[in-house]
């Protein structure tokens, strides 16, 4: 497994983001190698994003080379976008999963 965390601030109202995210969720549900995406939102501080659980680092890298990631990182609806990847420590994760 491989974890990716994306964060950004909104340049649009919260309600508009929720509507768009709900519509876009089906795109992510069909993404190759994506086990799950957990949508994040801190309305008070206007920080949003997602925690992506990928089958492998290669699946994450393939996403980062594709059009959906490019849109997230360049979309004018967001600002201060960031993406960080993490490996998973299998031993402790197996105990808590």
N, C-alpha and C. Protein backbone atom coordinates (compact mmCIF):
# COMPACT_ATOMS: atom_id res chain seq x y z
N UNK A 1 0.83 -1.19 0.00
CA UNK A 1 0.00 0.00 0.00
C UNK A 1 0.88 1.25 0.00
N UNK A 2 0.25 2.33 -0.43
CA UNK A 2 0.92 3.62 -0.50
C UNK A 2 -0.13 4.69 -0.19
N UNK A 3 0.26 5.69 0.59
CA UNK A 3 -0.66 6.75 0.99
C UNK A 3 -0.26 8.07 0.34
N UNK A 4 -1.25 8.82 -0.11
CA UNK A 4 -1.03 10.16 -0.65
C UNK A 4 -1.99 11.11 0.06
N UNK A 5 -1.48 12.26 0.46
CA UNK A 5 -2.32 13.28 1.09
C UNK A 5 -2.23 14.55 0.25
N UNK A 6 -3.39 15.02 -0.18
CA UNK A 6 -3.48 16.26 -0.94
C UNK A 6 -4.26 17.26 -0.10
N UNK A 7 -3.74 18.48 -0.02
CA UNK A 7 -4.42 19.57 0.69
C UNK A 7 -4.46 20.80 -0.20
N UNK A 8 -5.48 21.62 0.02
CA UNK A 8 -5.60 22.90 -0.69
C UNK A 8 -6.59 23.78 0.04
N UNK A 9 -6.56 25.06 -0.28
CA UNK A 9 -7.56 26.01 0.20
C UNK A 9 -8.54 26.26 -0.94
N UNK A 10 -9.75 26.66 -0.58
CA UNK A 10 -10.77 26.90 -1.60
C UNK A 10 -10.80 28.35 -2.05
N UNK A 11 -11.06 28.53 -3.33
CA UNK A 11 -11.36 29.85 -3.90
C UNK A 11 -12.83 29.94 -4.26
N UNK A 12 -13.61 28.96 -3.83
CA UNK A 12 -15.05 28.90 -4.10
C UNK A 12 -15.79 28.65 -2.78
N UNK A 13 -17.08 28.89 -2.73
CA UNK A 13 -17.84 28.61 -1.51
C UNK A 13 -17.84 27.11 -1.17
N UNK A 14 -17.91 26.83 0.12
CA UNK A 14 -17.94 25.45 0.62
C UNK A 14 -19.01 24.62 -0.08
N UNK A 15 -20.21 25.16 -0.21
CA UNK A 15 -21.33 24.42 -0.80
C UNK A 15 -21.04 24.05 -2.25
N UNK A 16 -20.40 24.94 -2.99
CA UNK A 16 -20.05 24.64 -4.37
C UNK A 16 -19.01 23.53 -4.43
N UNK A 17 -18.07 23.55 -3.49
CA UNK A 17 -17.06 22.49 -3.45
C UNK A 17 -17.72 21.13 -3.16
N UNK A 18 -18.61 21.09 -2.19
CA UNK A 18 -19.28 19.83 -1.83
C UNK A 18 -20.05 19.28 -3.03
N UNK A 19 -20.74 20.13 -3.75
CA UNK A 19 -21.49 19.69 -4.93
C UNK A 19 -20.54 19.13 -5.98
N UNK A 20 -19.44 19.81 -6.23
CA UNK A 20 -18.47 19.34 -7.22
C UNK A 20 -17.78 18.07 -6.78
N UNK A 21 -17.45 17.97 -5.50
CA UNK A 21 -16.78 16.77 -4.99
C UNK A 21 -17.70 15.57 -5.09
N UNK A 22 -18.97 15.76 -4.78
CA UNK A 22 -19.93 14.67 -4.87
C UNK A 22 -20.04 14.17 -6.31
N UNK A 23 -20.04 15.10 -7.24
CA UNK A 23 -20.09 14.73 -8.66
C UNK A 23 -18.81 14.02 -9.10
N UNK A 24 -17.67 14.48 -8.61
CA UNK A 24 -16.37 13.92 -9.01
C UNK A 24 -16.06 12.58 -8.35
N UNK A 25 -16.77 12.24 -7.28
CA UNK A 25 -16.46 11.02 -6.54
C UNK A 25 -16.50 9.78 -7.42
N UNK A 26 -17.39 9.74 -8.39
CA UNK A 26 -17.48 8.56 -9.27
C UNK A 26 -16.23 8.40 -10.13
N UNK A 27 -15.58 9.51 -10.46
CA UNK A 27 -14.33 9.42 -11.22
C UNK A 27 -13.28 8.69 -10.40
N UNK A 28 -13.20 9.02 -9.12
CA UNK A 28 -12.22 8.38 -8.25
C UNK A 28 -12.59 6.93 -7.95
N UNK A 29 -13.88 6.63 -7.89
CA UNK A 29 -14.30 5.26 -7.59
C UNK A 29 -13.86 4.27 -8.67
N UNK A 30 -13.57 4.77 -9.86
CA UNK A 30 -13.16 3.91 -10.97
C UNK A 30 -11.67 4.01 -11.28
N UNK A 31 -10.91 4.70 -10.43
CA UNK A 31 -9.50 4.93 -10.68
C UNK A 31 -8.68 3.66 -10.43
N UNK A 32 -7.89 3.23 -11.41
CA UNK A 32 -7.10 2.02 -11.24
C UNK A 32 -6.13 2.12 -10.07
N UNK A 33 -6.13 1.11 -9.22
CA UNK A 33 -5.19 1.04 -8.12
C UNK A 33 -5.58 1.81 -6.88
N UNK A 34 -6.70 2.55 -6.92
CA UNK A 34 -7.12 3.31 -5.75
C UNK A 34 -8.01 2.43 -4.86
N UNK A 35 -7.55 2.18 -3.65
CA UNK A 35 -8.32 1.38 -2.70
C UNK A 35 -9.42 2.24 -2.10
N UNK A 36 -9.08 3.45 -1.67
CA UNK A 36 -10.08 4.36 -1.11
C UNK A 36 -9.56 5.78 -1.15
N UNK A 37 -10.50 6.71 -1.15
CA UNK A 37 -10.19 8.13 -1.01
C UNK A 37 -11.07 8.66 0.10
N UNK A 38 -10.45 9.31 1.07
CA UNK A 38 -11.16 9.92 2.18
C UNK A 38 -11.10 11.42 1.98
N UNK A 39 -12.25 12.02 1.75
CA UNK A 39 -12.36 13.44 1.45
C UNK A 39 -12.24 14.22 2.76
N UNK A 40 -11.40 15.24 2.76
CA UNK A 40 -11.15 16.03 3.96
C UNK A 40 -11.74 17.41 3.83
N UNK A 41 -12.22 17.96 4.93
CA UNK A 41 -12.74 19.31 4.91
C UNK A 41 -12.66 19.97 6.28
N UNK A 42 -12.08 21.13 6.31
CA UNK A 42 -12.01 21.97 7.50
C UNK A 42 -12.61 23.32 7.09
N UNK A 43 -13.93 23.40 7.19
CA UNK A 43 -14.66 24.58 6.70
C UNK A 43 -14.20 25.85 7.40
N UNK A 44 -13.94 25.75 8.70
CA UNK A 44 -13.54 26.93 9.47
C UNK A 44 -12.25 27.55 8.95
N UNK A 45 -11.28 26.71 8.58
CA UNK A 45 -9.99 27.19 8.09
C UNK A 45 -9.85 27.12 6.58
N UNK A 46 -10.91 26.65 5.90
CA UNK A 46 -10.93 26.56 4.44
C UNK A 46 -9.84 25.65 3.88
N UNK A 47 -9.51 24.58 4.61
CA UNK A 47 -8.53 23.61 4.14
C UNK A 47 -9.29 22.33 3.78
N UNK A 48 -9.07 21.86 2.58
CA UNK A 48 -9.75 20.66 2.07
C UNK A 48 -8.72 19.74 1.44
N UNK A 49 -9.15 18.58 1.01
CA UNK A 49 -8.23 17.68 0.33
C UNK A 49 -8.69 16.24 0.43
N UNK A 50 -7.72 15.34 0.37
CA UNK A 50 -8.04 13.93 0.42
C UNK A 50 -6.87 13.10 0.88
N UNK A 51 -7.21 11.96 1.49
CA UNK A 51 -6.24 10.93 1.83
C UNK A 51 -6.54 9.76 0.90
N UNK A 52 -5.57 9.43 0.08
CA UNK A 52 -5.73 8.39 -0.92
C UNK A 52 -4.95 7.16 -0.46
N UNK A 53 -5.60 6.01 -0.49
CA UNK A 53 -4.93 4.75 -0.19
C UNK A 53 -4.80 3.99 -1.50
N UNK A 54 -3.55 3.85 -1.94
CA UNK A 54 -3.25 3.20 -3.22
C UNK A 54 -2.76 1.78 -2.99
N UNK A 55 -2.99 0.91 -3.97
CA UNK A 55 -2.48 -0.45 -3.92
C UNK A 55 -0.96 -0.48 -3.90
N UNK A 56 -0.34 0.50 -4.57
CA UNK A 56 1.11 0.51 -4.69
C UNK A 56 1.60 1.93 -4.99
N UNK A 57 2.89 2.13 -4.80
CA UNK A 57 3.49 3.40 -5.16
C UNK A 57 3.34 3.65 -6.66
N UNK A 58 3.42 2.59 -7.45
CA UNK A 58 3.29 2.71 -8.91
C UNK A 58 1.90 3.22 -9.30
N UNK A 59 0.86 2.76 -8.61
CA UNK A 59 -0.50 3.24 -8.89
C UNK A 59 -0.61 4.72 -8.56
N UNK A 60 0.00 5.13 -7.46
CA UNK A 60 0.00 6.54 -7.08
C UNK A 60 0.75 7.37 -8.12
N UNK A 61 1.89 6.90 -8.55
CA UNK A 61 2.67 7.61 -9.56
C UNK A 61 1.90 7.74 -10.87
N UNK A 62 1.19 6.68 -11.25
CA UNK A 62 0.38 6.73 -12.48
C UNK A 62 -0.70 7.80 -12.35
N UNK A 63 -1.32 7.91 -11.20
CA UNK A 63 -2.32 8.96 -10.96
C UNK A 63 -1.68 10.34 -11.09
N UNK A 64 -0.51 10.51 -10.50
CA UNK A 64 0.16 11.81 -10.53
C UNK A 64 0.60 12.21 -11.93
N UNK A 65 0.71 11.26 -12.82
CA UNK A 65 1.07 11.56 -14.21
C UNK A 65 -0.15 11.79 -15.09
N UNK A 66 -1.35 11.67 -14.52
CA UNK A 66 -2.57 11.74 -15.32
C UNK A 66 -3.30 13.07 -15.22
N UNK A 67 -4.39 13.17 -15.97
CA UNK A 67 -5.12 14.44 -16.08
C UNK A 67 -5.90 14.85 -14.84
N UNK A 68 -6.37 13.91 -14.04
CA UNK A 68 -7.16 14.27 -12.86
C UNK A 68 -6.27 14.98 -11.84
N UNK A 69 -5.10 14.41 -11.57
CA UNK A 69 -4.16 15.05 -10.65
C UNK A 69 -3.72 16.41 -11.19
N UNK A 70 -3.43 16.48 -12.48
CA UNK A 70 -3.02 17.76 -13.08
C UNK A 70 -4.09 18.82 -12.86
N UNK A 71 -5.36 18.43 -12.99
CA UNK A 71 -6.45 19.38 -12.78
C UNK A 71 -6.50 19.84 -11.32
N UNK A 72 -6.38 18.91 -10.38
CA UNK A 72 -6.40 19.28 -8.97
C UNK A 72 -5.28 20.26 -8.65
N UNK A 73 -4.11 20.02 -9.18
CA UNK A 73 -2.95 20.84 -8.84
C UNK A 73 -2.92 22.19 -9.56
N UNK A 74 -3.72 22.34 -10.61
CA UNK A 74 -3.71 23.60 -11.36
C UNK A 74 -5.06 24.31 -11.39
N UNK A 75 -6.07 23.72 -10.82
CA UNK A 75 -7.43 24.26 -10.88
C UNK A 75 -7.52 25.58 -10.11
N UNK A 76 -8.10 26.59 -10.74
CA UNK A 76 -8.22 27.91 -10.12
C UNK A 76 -9.25 27.95 -8.99
N UNK A 77 -10.04 26.88 -8.81
CA UNK A 77 -10.97 26.81 -7.69
C UNK A 77 -10.22 26.59 -6.38
N UNK A 78 -8.94 26.18 -6.48
CA UNK A 78 -8.12 25.89 -5.31
C UNK A 78 -6.90 26.78 -5.30
N UNK A 79 -6.28 26.90 -4.13
CA UNK A 79 -5.00 27.60 -4.03
C UNK A 79 -4.14 26.88 -2.99
N UNK A 80 -2.85 27.08 -3.09
CA UNK A 80 -1.88 26.47 -2.17
C UNK A 80 -1.98 24.95 -2.13
N UNK A 81 -2.13 24.35 -3.31
CA UNK A 81 -2.22 22.91 -3.40
C UNK A 81 -0.90 22.26 -3.00
N UNK A 82 -1.01 21.11 -2.31
CA UNK A 82 0.17 20.32 -1.98
C UNK A 82 -0.17 18.84 -2.05
N UNK A 83 0.83 18.04 -2.37
CA UNK A 83 0.67 16.59 -2.42
C UNK A 83 1.89 15.96 -1.78
N UNK A 84 1.66 15.02 -0.88
CA UNK A 84 2.74 14.33 -0.20
C UNK A 84 2.44 12.85 -0.18
N UNK A 85 3.45 12.03 -0.49
CA UNK A 85 3.30 10.57 -0.50
C UNK A 85 3.98 9.96 0.72
N UNK A 86 3.44 8.83 1.15
CA UNK A 86 3.99 8.11 2.28
C UNK A 86 3.96 6.61 2.00
N UNK A 87 5.04 5.93 2.37
CA UNK A 87 5.02 4.48 2.38
C UNK A 87 4.26 4.02 3.62
N UNK A 88 3.82 2.79 3.60
CA UNK A 88 3.07 2.22 4.72
C UNK A 88 3.98 1.23 5.44
N UNK A 89 4.01 1.31 6.75
CA UNK A 89 4.76 0.37 7.57
C UNK A 89 3.87 -0.85 7.79
N UNK A 90 4.18 -1.91 7.05
CA UNK A 90 3.29 -3.08 7.00
C UNK A 90 3.08 -3.77 8.34
N UNK A 91 4.12 -3.95 9.14
CA UNK A 91 4.00 -4.68 10.39
C UNK A 91 3.00 -4.04 11.35
N UNK A 92 3.22 -2.80 11.77
CA UNK A 92 2.26 -2.18 12.68
C UNK A 92 0.88 -1.99 12.05
N UNK A 93 0.84 -1.72 10.76
CA UNK A 93 -0.44 -1.53 10.08
C UNK A 93 -1.26 -2.81 10.11
N UNK A 94 -0.63 -3.96 9.95
CA UNK A 94 -1.34 -5.24 9.98
C UNK A 94 -2.01 -5.46 11.35
N UNK A 95 -1.40 -4.96 12.38
CA UNK A 95 -1.95 -5.12 13.73
C UNK A 95 -3.17 -4.22 13.93
N UNK A 96 -3.11 -3.00 13.39
CA UNK A 96 -4.20 -2.04 13.64
C UNK A 96 -5.26 -2.00 12.56
N UNK A 97 -5.03 -2.65 11.45
CA UNK A 97 -5.99 -2.58 10.33
C UNK A 97 -7.26 -3.35 10.64
